[in-house]
Amino acid sequence: MADERELLKLALRVVDLNPLGVMTTVDERGYPHARWMTAITNDNLRTLLTLTAAGTRKVEHLRRCDKVCWLFQEEGQSDVVLLKGRATVEPSAVAAHESWDRMAQVARQYAAGPLSDDAHLELLAILTHVETIEVLSPRLGLFAHREVATQ
């Protein structure tokens, strides 16, 4: 069985190499709503940062229920990382625009509607505070679930 550091290292590798993941929120009727999003982390998976246009459904979902789940998968579908936590919508334009350059290449491939028009783009940052990390690695014969210590 892998130790804590090995699991975190594997999870970080998957997220860093494959920043396009599936973010799931809970809608107004209590149903999960999943969508592809690009996310980055700078702090060993304590937090994930993604950007969205103001007025999207995910922003409304997060105002009602802050619980989210992220799914990242290694290319070839061998290693899977599930991150669960609570998200906040940050109206800080500075945080959003500083992060945009790092995520723009991947995000632009999938963006539609408001994200495809930079001239009228109002970005919000969504910060997920990760509480649980799950790693599934069939190639390593590994399934691990860890609660993350928050500081």
N, C-alpha and C. Protein backbone atom coordinates (compact mmCIF):
# COMPACT_ATOMS: atom_id res chain seq x y z
N MET A 1 0.84 -1.19 0.00
CA MET A 1 0.00 0.00 0.00
C MET A 1 0.88 1.24 0.00
N ALA A 2 0.53 2.21 -0.82
CA ALA A 2 1.30 3.44 -0.94
C ALA A 2 1.13 4.32 0.30
N ASP A 3 2.18 5.04 0.66
CA ASP A 3 2.05 5.95 1.79
C ASP A 3 1.47 7.29 1.33
N GLU A 4 1.20 8.16 2.30
CA GLU A 4 0.57 9.45 2.05
C GLU A 4 1.31 10.28 1.00
N ARG A 5 2.62 10.34 1.11
CA ARG A 5 3.41 11.14 0.16
C ARG A 5 3.33 10.59 -1.26
N GLU A 6 3.35 9.28 -1.40
CA GLU A 6 3.25 8.67 -2.73
C GLU A 6 1.89 8.96 -3.36
N LEU A 7 0.84 8.88 -2.56
CA LEU A 7 -0.51 9.17 -3.08
C LEU A 7 -0.63 10.62 -3.53
N LEU A 8 -0.13 11.52 -2.70
CA LEU A 8 -0.19 12.93 -3.04
C LEU A 8 0.64 13.21 -4.29
N LYS A 9 1.80 12.60 -4.40
CA LYS A 9 2.66 12.79 -5.58
C LYS A 9 1.95 12.29 -6.84
N LEU A 10 1.31 11.13 -6.77
CA LEU A 10 0.57 10.59 -7.90
C LEU A 10 -0.60 11.51 -8.27
N ALA A 11 -1.35 11.96 -7.28
CA ALA A 11 -2.49 12.84 -7.54
C ALA A 11 -2.04 14.15 -8.17
N LEU A 12 -0.97 14.73 -7.64
CA LEU A 12 -0.44 15.97 -8.21
C LEU A 12 0.00 15.79 -9.65
N ARG A 13 0.66 14.67 -9.93
CA ARG A 13 1.12 14.41 -11.30
C ARG A 13 -0.06 14.35 -12.26
N VAL A 14 -1.10 13.66 -11.87
CA VAL A 14 -2.28 13.53 -12.74
C VAL A 14 -2.90 14.90 -13.00
N VAL A 15 -3.10 15.70 -11.95
CA VAL A 15 -3.73 17.01 -12.10
C VAL A 15 -2.83 17.97 -12.88
N ASP A 16 -1.53 17.96 -12.59
CA ASP A 16 -0.62 18.87 -13.30
C ASP A 16 -0.49 18.53 -14.78
N LEU A 17 -0.44 17.24 -15.10
CA LEU A 17 -0.29 16.84 -16.50
C LEU A 17 -1.60 16.88 -17.28
N ASN A 18 -2.71 16.83 -16.57
CA ASN A 18 -4.04 16.81 -17.20
C ASN A 18 -4.97 17.78 -16.50
N PRO A 19 -4.76 19.08 -16.68
CA PRO A 19 -5.54 20.07 -15.93
C PRO A 19 -7.01 20.17 -16.35
N LEU A 20 -7.38 19.48 -17.41
CA LEU A 20 -8.78 19.47 -17.82
C LEU A 20 -9.48 18.35 -17.07
N GLY A 21 -10.40 18.73 -16.20
CA GLY A 21 -11.11 17.75 -15.39
C GLY A 21 -12.60 17.99 -15.45
N VAL A 22 -13.35 17.17 -14.75
CA VAL A 22 -14.79 17.32 -14.67
C VAL A 22 -15.12 17.87 -13.29
N MET A 23 -15.76 19.04 -13.26
CA MET A 23 -16.20 19.65 -12.01
C MET A 23 -17.70 19.39 -11.88
N THR A 24 -18.10 18.86 -10.73
CA THR A 24 -19.50 18.58 -10.48
C THR A 24 -20.00 19.44 -9.34
N THR A 25 -21.12 20.13 -9.60
CA THR A 25 -21.80 20.92 -8.58
C THR A 25 -23.18 20.32 -8.37
N VAL A 26 -23.93 20.89 -7.44
CA VAL A 26 -25.28 20.44 -7.16
C VAL A 26 -26.24 21.55 -7.60
N ASP A 27 -27.21 21.20 -8.45
CA ASP A 27 -28.12 22.23 -8.95
C ASP A 27 -29.24 22.51 -7.95
N GLU A 28 -30.13 23.42 -8.32
CA GLU A 28 -31.21 23.87 -7.43
C GLU A 28 -32.20 22.78 -7.05
N ARG A 29 -32.24 21.70 -7.82
CA ARG A 29 -33.15 20.59 -7.50
C ARG A 29 -32.42 19.44 -6.79
N GLY A 30 -31.13 19.65 -6.48
CA GLY A 30 -30.37 18.64 -5.75
C GLY A 30 -29.68 17.61 -6.63
N TYR A 31 -29.69 17.84 -7.94
CA TYR A 31 -29.05 16.90 -8.87
C TYR A 31 -27.62 17.34 -9.16
N PRO A 32 -26.73 16.36 -9.38
CA PRO A 32 -25.36 16.72 -9.77
C PRO A 32 -25.34 17.29 -11.18
N HIS A 33 -24.46 18.24 -11.40
CA HIS A 33 -24.29 18.84 -12.72
C HIS A 33 -22.79 18.87 -13.01
N ALA A 34 -22.36 18.15 -14.02
CA ALA A 34 -20.94 18.02 -14.33
C ALA A 34 -20.61 18.77 -15.61
N ARG A 35 -19.40 19.34 -15.61
CA ARG A 35 -18.91 20.01 -16.82
C ARG A 35 -17.39 19.96 -16.82
N TRP A 36 -16.83 20.00 -18.04
CA TRP A 36 -15.38 20.03 -18.20
C TRP A 36 -14.87 21.41 -17.81
N MET A 37 -13.81 21.45 -17.03
CA MET A 37 -13.19 22.70 -16.60
C MET A 37 -11.68 22.50 -16.54
N THR A 38 -10.96 23.58 -16.66
CA THR A 38 -9.52 23.56 -16.48
C THR A 38 -9.22 24.08 -15.08
N ALA A 39 -8.35 23.43 -14.37
CA ALA A 39 -8.01 23.86 -13.01
C ALA A 39 -6.51 23.77 -12.79
N ILE A 40 -6.03 24.60 -11.87
CA ILE A 40 -4.62 24.57 -11.50
C ILE A 40 -4.52 24.53 -9.97
N THR A 41 -3.39 24.05 -9.49
CA THR A 41 -3.10 24.05 -8.06
C THR A 41 -1.67 24.50 -7.88
N ASN A 42 -1.43 25.25 -6.81
CA ASN A 42 -0.07 25.70 -6.50
C ASN A 42 0.36 25.28 -5.11
N ASP A 43 -0.48 24.51 -4.42
CA ASP A 43 -0.22 24.26 -3.01
C ASP A 43 -0.46 22.80 -2.60
N ASN A 44 0.08 21.88 -3.38
CA ASN A 44 -0.03 20.45 -3.07
C ASN A 44 -1.46 19.97 -2.90
N LEU A 45 -2.33 20.45 -3.75
CA LEU A 45 -3.74 20.03 -3.81
C LEU A 45 -4.57 20.44 -2.60
N ARG A 46 -4.14 21.44 -1.86
CA ARG A 46 -5.02 21.97 -0.82
C ARG A 46 -6.16 22.75 -1.46
N THR A 47 -5.84 23.42 -2.57
CA THR A 47 -6.86 24.18 -3.28
C THR A 47 -6.70 23.97 -4.78
N LEU A 48 -7.81 24.13 -5.49
CA LEU A 48 -7.83 24.15 -6.95
C LEU A 48 -8.41 25.49 -7.36
N LEU A 49 -7.89 26.05 -8.42
CA LEU A 49 -8.39 27.31 -8.94
C LEU A 49 -8.85 27.09 -10.36
N THR A 50 -10.05 27.58 -10.66
CA THR A 50 -10.56 27.58 -12.02
C THR A 50 -11.23 28.91 -12.27
N LEU A 51 -11.53 29.19 -13.50
CA LEU A 51 -12.17 30.45 -13.88
C LEU A 51 -13.49 30.17 -14.57
N THR A 52 -14.40 31.11 -14.42
CA THR A 52 -15.67 31.01 -15.11
C THR A 52 -16.17 32.40 -15.44
N ALA A 53 -17.05 32.48 -16.39
CA ALA A 53 -17.69 33.75 -16.70
C ALA A 53 -18.76 34.01 -15.64
N ALA A 54 -18.94 35.28 -15.32
CA ALA A 54 -20.00 35.66 -14.38
C ALA A 54 -21.34 35.28 -15.00
N GLY A 55 -22.28 34.89 -14.17
CA GLY A 55 -23.62 34.57 -14.66
C GLY A 55 -23.81 33.15 -15.14
N THR A 56 -22.82 32.28 -14.94
CA THR A 56 -22.98 30.89 -15.37
C THR A 56 -23.80 30.11 -14.34
N ARG A 57 -24.31 28.97 -14.77
CA ARG A 57 -25.09 28.14 -13.86
C ARG A 57 -24.26 27.64 -12.69
N LYS A 58 -22.98 27.36 -12.93
CA LYS A 58 -22.16 26.84 -11.83
C LYS A 58 -22.03 27.85 -10.71
N VAL A 59 -22.00 29.13 -11.04
CA VAL A 59 -21.93 30.17 -10.00
C VAL A 59 -23.20 30.14 -9.16
N GLU A 60 -24.34 30.02 -9.81
CA GLU A 60 -25.61 29.92 -9.06
C GLU A 60 -25.65 28.65 -8.22
N HIS A 61 -25.18 27.55 -8.76
CA HIS A 61 -25.13 26.30 -7.99
C HIS A 61 -24.30 26.49 -6.73
N LEU A 62 -23.13 27.11 -6.87
CA LEU A 62 -22.22 27.26 -5.74
C LEU A 62 -22.76 28.22 -4.69
N ARG A 63 -23.59 29.15 -5.09
CA ARG A 63 -24.20 30.06 -4.11
C ARG A 63 -25.23 29.31 -3.25
N ARG A 64 -25.81 28.25 -3.80
CA ARG A 64 -26.79 27.45 -3.05
C ARG A 64 -26.13 26.33 -2.25
N CYS A 65 -25.11 25.71 -2.85
CA CYS A 65 -24.43 24.56 -2.22
C CYS A 65 -22.96 24.61 -2.62
N ASP A 66 -22.09 24.70 -1.64
CA ASP A 66 -20.66 24.87 -1.95
C ASP A 66 -19.90 23.56 -2.14
N LYS A 67 -20.58 22.42 -2.03
CA LYS A 67 -19.91 21.13 -2.20
C LYS A 67 -19.66 20.83 -3.67
N VAL A 68 -18.42 20.42 -3.97
CA VAL A 68 -18.05 20.08 -5.35
C VAL A 68 -17.22 18.80 -5.36
N CYS A 69 -17.16 18.22 -6.53
CA CYS A 69 -16.32 17.06 -6.77
C CYS A 69 -15.62 17.27 -8.11
N TRP A 70 -14.33 17.00 -8.14
CA TRP A 70 -13.52 17.10 -9.35
C TRP A 70 -13.01 15.71 -9.72
N LEU A 71 -12.98 15.43 -11.01
CA LEU A 71 -12.44 14.17 -11.51
C LEU A 71 -11.38 14.50 -12.55
N PHE A 72 -10.17 13.99 -12.32
CA PHE A 72 -9.08 14.14 -13.27
C PHE A 72 -8.62 12.74 -13.65
N GLN A 73 -8.23 12.60 -14.91
CA GLN A 73 -7.84 11.29 -15.40
C GLN A 73 -6.58 11.40 -16.23
N GLU A 74 -5.67 10.51 -15.98
CA GLU A 74 -4.45 10.48 -16.77
C GLU A 74 -4.79 10.06 -18.20
N GLU A 75 -4.05 10.61 -19.14
CA GLU A 75 -4.25 10.20 -20.52
C GLU A 75 -4.10 8.68 -20.62
N GLY A 76 -4.98 8.04 -21.34
CA GLY A 76 -4.96 6.60 -21.41
C GLY A 76 -5.80 5.95 -20.33
N GLN A 77 -6.38 6.79 -19.47
CA GLN A 77 -7.32 6.36 -18.44
C GLN A 77 -6.74 5.37 -17.44
N SER A 78 -5.45 5.47 -17.17
CA SER A 78 -4.88 4.52 -16.22
C SER A 78 -5.00 4.99 -14.77
N ASP A 79 -4.71 6.25 -14.50
CA ASP A 79 -4.81 6.77 -13.13
C ASP A 79 -5.93 7.81 -13.06
N VAL A 80 -6.73 7.72 -12.01
CA VAL A 80 -7.87 8.61 -11.82
C VAL A 80 -7.75 9.26 -10.44
N VAL A 81 -8.02 10.56 -10.38
CA VAL A 81 -7.99 11.30 -9.12
C VAL A 81 -9.34 11.97 -8.93
N LEU A 82 -9.92 11.77 -7.77
CA LEU A 82 -11.18 12.40 -7.39
C LEU A 82 -10.89 13.32 -6.22
N LEU A 83 -11.25 14.60 -6.35
CA LEU A 83 -11.03 15.58 -5.29
C LEU A 83 -12.40 16.12 -4.87
N LYS A 84 -12.69 16.07 -3.59
CA LYS A 84 -13.96 16.58 -3.07
C LYS A 84 -13.65 17.70 -2.09
N GLY A 85 -14.53 18.71 -2.10
CA GLY A 85 -14.32 19.82 -1.17
C GLY A 85 -15.42 20.85 -1.29
N ARG A 86 -15.10 22.03 -0.80
CA ARG A 86 -16.04 23.14 -0.81
C ARG A 86 -15.45 24.28 -1.63
N ALA A 87 -16.30 24.91 -2.42
CA ALA A 87 -15.83 25.94 -3.34
C ALA A 87 -16.42 27.30 -2.99
N THR A 88 -15.62 28.32 -3.25
CA THR A 88 -16.09 29.70 -3.09
C THR A 88 -15.88 30.42 -4.41
N VAL A 89 -16.77 31.35 -4.69
CA VAL A 89 -16.64 32.18 -5.89
C VAL A 89 -15.96 33.47 -5.45
N GLU A 90 -14.84 33.75 -6.08
CA GLU A 90 -14.04 34.93 -5.74
C GLU A 90 -14.18 35.98 -6.83
N PRO A 91 -14.74 37.12 -6.51
CA PRO A 91 -14.93 38.14 -7.54
C PRO A 91 -13.66 38.89 -7.89
N SER A 92 -12.53 38.52 -7.32
CA SER A 92 -11.29 39.22 -7.55
C SER A 92 -10.83 39.09 -9.00
N ALA A 93 -10.90 40.18 -9.72
CA ALA A 93 -10.45 40.19 -11.11
C ALA A 93 -8.96 39.93 -11.20
N VAL A 94 -8.20 40.37 -10.20
CA VAL A 94 -6.75 40.18 -10.22
C VAL A 94 -6.42 38.69 -10.20
N ALA A 95 -7.00 37.94 -9.28
CA ALA A 95 -6.74 36.50 -9.20
C ALA A 95 -7.16 35.82 -10.49
N ALA A 96 -8.30 36.22 -11.02
CA ALA A 96 -8.80 35.59 -12.24
C ALA A 96 -7.88 35.87 -13.42
N HIS A 97 -7.48 37.09 -13.60
CA HIS A 97 -6.67 37.42 -14.77
C HIS A 97 -5.24 36.92 -14.66
N GLU A 98 -4.70 36.83 -13.44
CA GLU A 98 -3.36 36.26 -13.28
C GLU A 98 -3.36 34.78 -13.65
N SER A 99 -4.46 34.10 -13.41
CA SER A 99 -4.55 32.67 -13.69
C SER A 99 -4.94 32.39 -15.13
N TRP A 100 -5.57 33.33 -15.78
CA TRP A 100 -6.10 33.11 -17.12
C TRP A 100 -5.03 32.64 -18.09
N ASP A 101 -3.87 33.28 -18.08
CA ASP A 101 -2.82 32.91 -19.03
C ASP A 101 -2.41 31.45 -18.89
N ARG A 102 -2.36 30.95 -17.65
CA ARG A 102 -1.96 29.56 -17.43
C ARG A 102 -3.00 28.58 -17.95
N MET A 103 -4.26 28.98 -17.91
CA MET A 103 -5.33 28.06 -18.29
C MET A 103 -5.88 28.32 -19.68
N ALA A 104 -5.51 29.42 -20.29
CA ALA A 104 -6.14 29.85 -21.54
C ALA A 104 -6.02 28.83 -22.67
N GLN A 105 -4.86 28.23 -22.83
CA GLN A 105 -4.67 27.31 -23.96
C GLN A 105 -5.65 26.15 -23.93
N VAL A 106 -5.80 25.52 -22.77
CA VAL A 106 -6.73 24.40 -22.67
C VAL A 106 -8.16 24.91 -22.65
N ALA A 107 -8.43 25.95 -21.89
CA ALA A 107 -9.80 26.44 -21.73
C ALA A 107 -10.40 26.90 -23.05
N ARG A 108 -9.61 27.56 -23.86
CA ARG A 108 -10.14 28.08 -25.13
C ARG A 108 -10.59 26.96 -26.07
N GLN A 109 -10.02 25.79 -25.94
CA GLN A 109 -10.43 24.68 -26.79
C GLN A 109 -11.85 24.23 -26.48
N TYR A 110 -12.29 24.47 -25.26
CA TYR A 110 -13.59 23.98 -24.83
C TYR A 110 -14.59 25.10 -24.55
N ALA A 111 -14.13 26.35 -24.53
CA ALA A 111 -15.00 27.46 -24.15
C ALA A 111 -15.99 27.80 -25.26
N ALA A 112 -17.16 28.16 -24.83
CA ALA A 112 -18.21 28.60 -25.74
C ALA A 112 -18.96 29.75 -25.08
N GLY A 113 -19.75 30.43 -25.83
CA GLY A 113 -20.55 31.51 -25.26
C GLY A 113 -19.68 32.61 -24.71
N PRO A 114 -19.89 32.99 -23.44
CA PRO A 114 -19.20 34.14 -22.90
C PRO A 114 -17.68 33.99 -22.84
N LEU A 115 -17.17 32.79 -22.75
CA LEU A 115 -15.72 32.62 -22.66
C LEU A 115 -15.02 32.77 -24.01
N SER A 116 -15.78 32.78 -25.08
CA SER A 116 -15.14 32.88 -26.39
C SER A 116 -15.01 34.32 -26.87
N ASP A 117 -15.47 35.29 -26.07
CA ASP A 117 -15.44 36.70 -26.45
C ASP A 117 -14.68 37.49 -25.38
N ASP A 118 -13.35 37.60 -25.55
CA ASP A 118 -12.53 38.28 -24.55
C ASP A 118 -12.93 39.73 -24.32
N ALA A 119 -13.45 40.41 -25.31
CA ALA A 119 -13.79 41.82 -25.18
C ALA A 119 -14.89 42.05 -24.14
N HIS A 120 -15.73 41.08 -23.93
CA HIS A 120 -16.85 41.23 -22.99
C HIS A 120 -16.77 40.25 -21.82
N LEU A 121 -15.60 39.76 -21.56
CA LEU A 121 -15.43 38.70 -20.58
C LEU A 121 -15.30 39.25 -19.16
N GLU A 122 -16.18 38.82 -18.28
CA GLU A 122 -16.05 39.13 -16.86
C GLU A 122 -15.77 37.81 -16.15
N LEU A 123 -14.51 37.63 -15.75
CA LEU A 123 -14.10 36.37 -15.13
C LEU A 123 -14.25 36.41 -13.62
N LEU A 124 -14.65 35.28 -13.08
CA LEU A 124 -14.66 35.05 -11.64
C LEU A 124 -13.76 33.86 -11.38
N ALA A 125 -13.12 33.86 -10.24
CA ALA A 125 -12.30 32.72 -9.84
C ALA A 125 -13.13 31.83 -8.93
N ILE A 126 -13.04 30.52 -9.14
CA ILE A 126 -13.66 29.56 -8.24
C ILE A 126 -12.52 28.83 -7.54
N LEU A 127 -12.51 28.92 -6.23
CA LEU A 127 -11.47 28.31 -5.43
C LEU A 127 -12.07 27.13 -4.67
N THR A 128 -11.57 25.93 -4.95
CA THR A 128 -12.04 24.74 -4.25
C THR A 128 -11.05 24.39 -3.15
N HIS A 129 -11.54 24.31 -1.93
CA HIS A 129 -10.74 23.89 -0.78
C HIS A 129 -10.90 22.37 -0.67
N VAL A 130 -9.87 21.65 -1.04
CA VAL A 130 -9.93 20.19 -1.13
C VAL A 130 -9.96 19.58 0.27
N GLU A 131 -10.93 18.70 0.48
CA GLU A 131 -11.08 18.00 1.77
C GLU A 131 -10.75 16.52 1.66
N THR A 132 -10.99 15.94 0.49
CA THR A 132 -10.78 14.50 0.30
C THR A 132 -10.08 14.26 -1.04
N ILE A 133 -9.09 13.37 -1.01
CA ILE A 133 -8.40 12.94 -2.23
C ILE A 133 -8.60 11.44 -2.36
N GLU A 134 -9.07 11.02 -3.54
CA GLU A 134 -9.18 9.59 -3.83
C GLU A 134 -8.34 9.32 -5.07
N VAL A 135 -7.59 8.24 -5.03
CA VAL A 135 -6.74 7.86 -6.16
C VAL A 135 -7.07 6.42 -6.54
N LEU A 136 -7.29 6.23 -7.83
CA LEU A 136 -7.51 4.89 -8.36
C LEU A 136 -6.47 4.66 -9.44
N SER A 137 -5.64 3.65 -9.24
CA SER A 137 -4.59 3.35 -10.20
C SER A 137 -4.60 1.85 -10.47
N PRO A 138 -5.34 1.40 -11.48
CA PRO A 138 -5.35 -0.02 -11.81
C PRO A 138 -3.96 -0.56 -12.13
N ARG A 139 -3.14 0.24 -12.79
CA ARG A 139 -1.80 -0.21 -13.16
C ARG A 139 -0.94 -0.48 -11.94
N LEU A 140 -1.22 0.24 -10.82
CA LEU A 140 -0.47 0.02 -9.58
C LEU A 140 -1.24 -0.87 -8.60
N GLY A 141 -2.47 -1.27 -8.98
CA GLY A 141 -3.30 -2.05 -8.08
C GLY A 141 -3.68 -1.27 -6.84
N LEU A 142 -4.01 0.02 -7.02
CA LEU A 142 -4.17 0.92 -5.89
C LEU A 142 -5.51 1.63 -5.92
N PHE A 143 -6.20 1.63 -4.80
CA PHE A 143 -7.33 2.52 -4.57
C PHE A 143 -7.12 3.09 -3.18
N ALA A 144 -7.05 4.40 -3.07
CA ALA A 144 -6.83 5.02 -1.77
C ALA A 144 -7.72 6.24 -1.60
N HIS A 145 -8.19 6.43 -0.39
CA HIS A 145 -9.07 7.55 -0.05
C HIS A 145 -8.43 8.22 1.17
N ARG A 146 -8.16 9.51 1.07
CA ARG A 146 -7.52 10.22 2.18
C ARG A 146 -8.26 11.52 2.46
N GLU A 147 -8.48 11.79 3.74
CA GLU A 147 -8.97 13.08 4.15
C GLU A 147 -7.75 14.01 4.15
N VAL A 148 -7.94 15.25 3.72
CA VAL A 148 -6.85 16.20 3.66
C VAL A 148 -6.90 17.08 4.90
N ALA A 149 -5.77 17.21 5.56
CA ALA A 149 -5.70 18.10 6.73
C ALA A 149 -5.74 19.55 6.26
N THR A 150 -6.69 20.32 6.75
CA THR A 150 -6.80 21.72 6.35
C THR A 150 -6.08 22.58 7.37
N GLN A 151 -5.51 23.66 6.88
CA GLN A 151 -4.79 24.58 7.78
C GLN A 151 -5.42 25.93 7.73
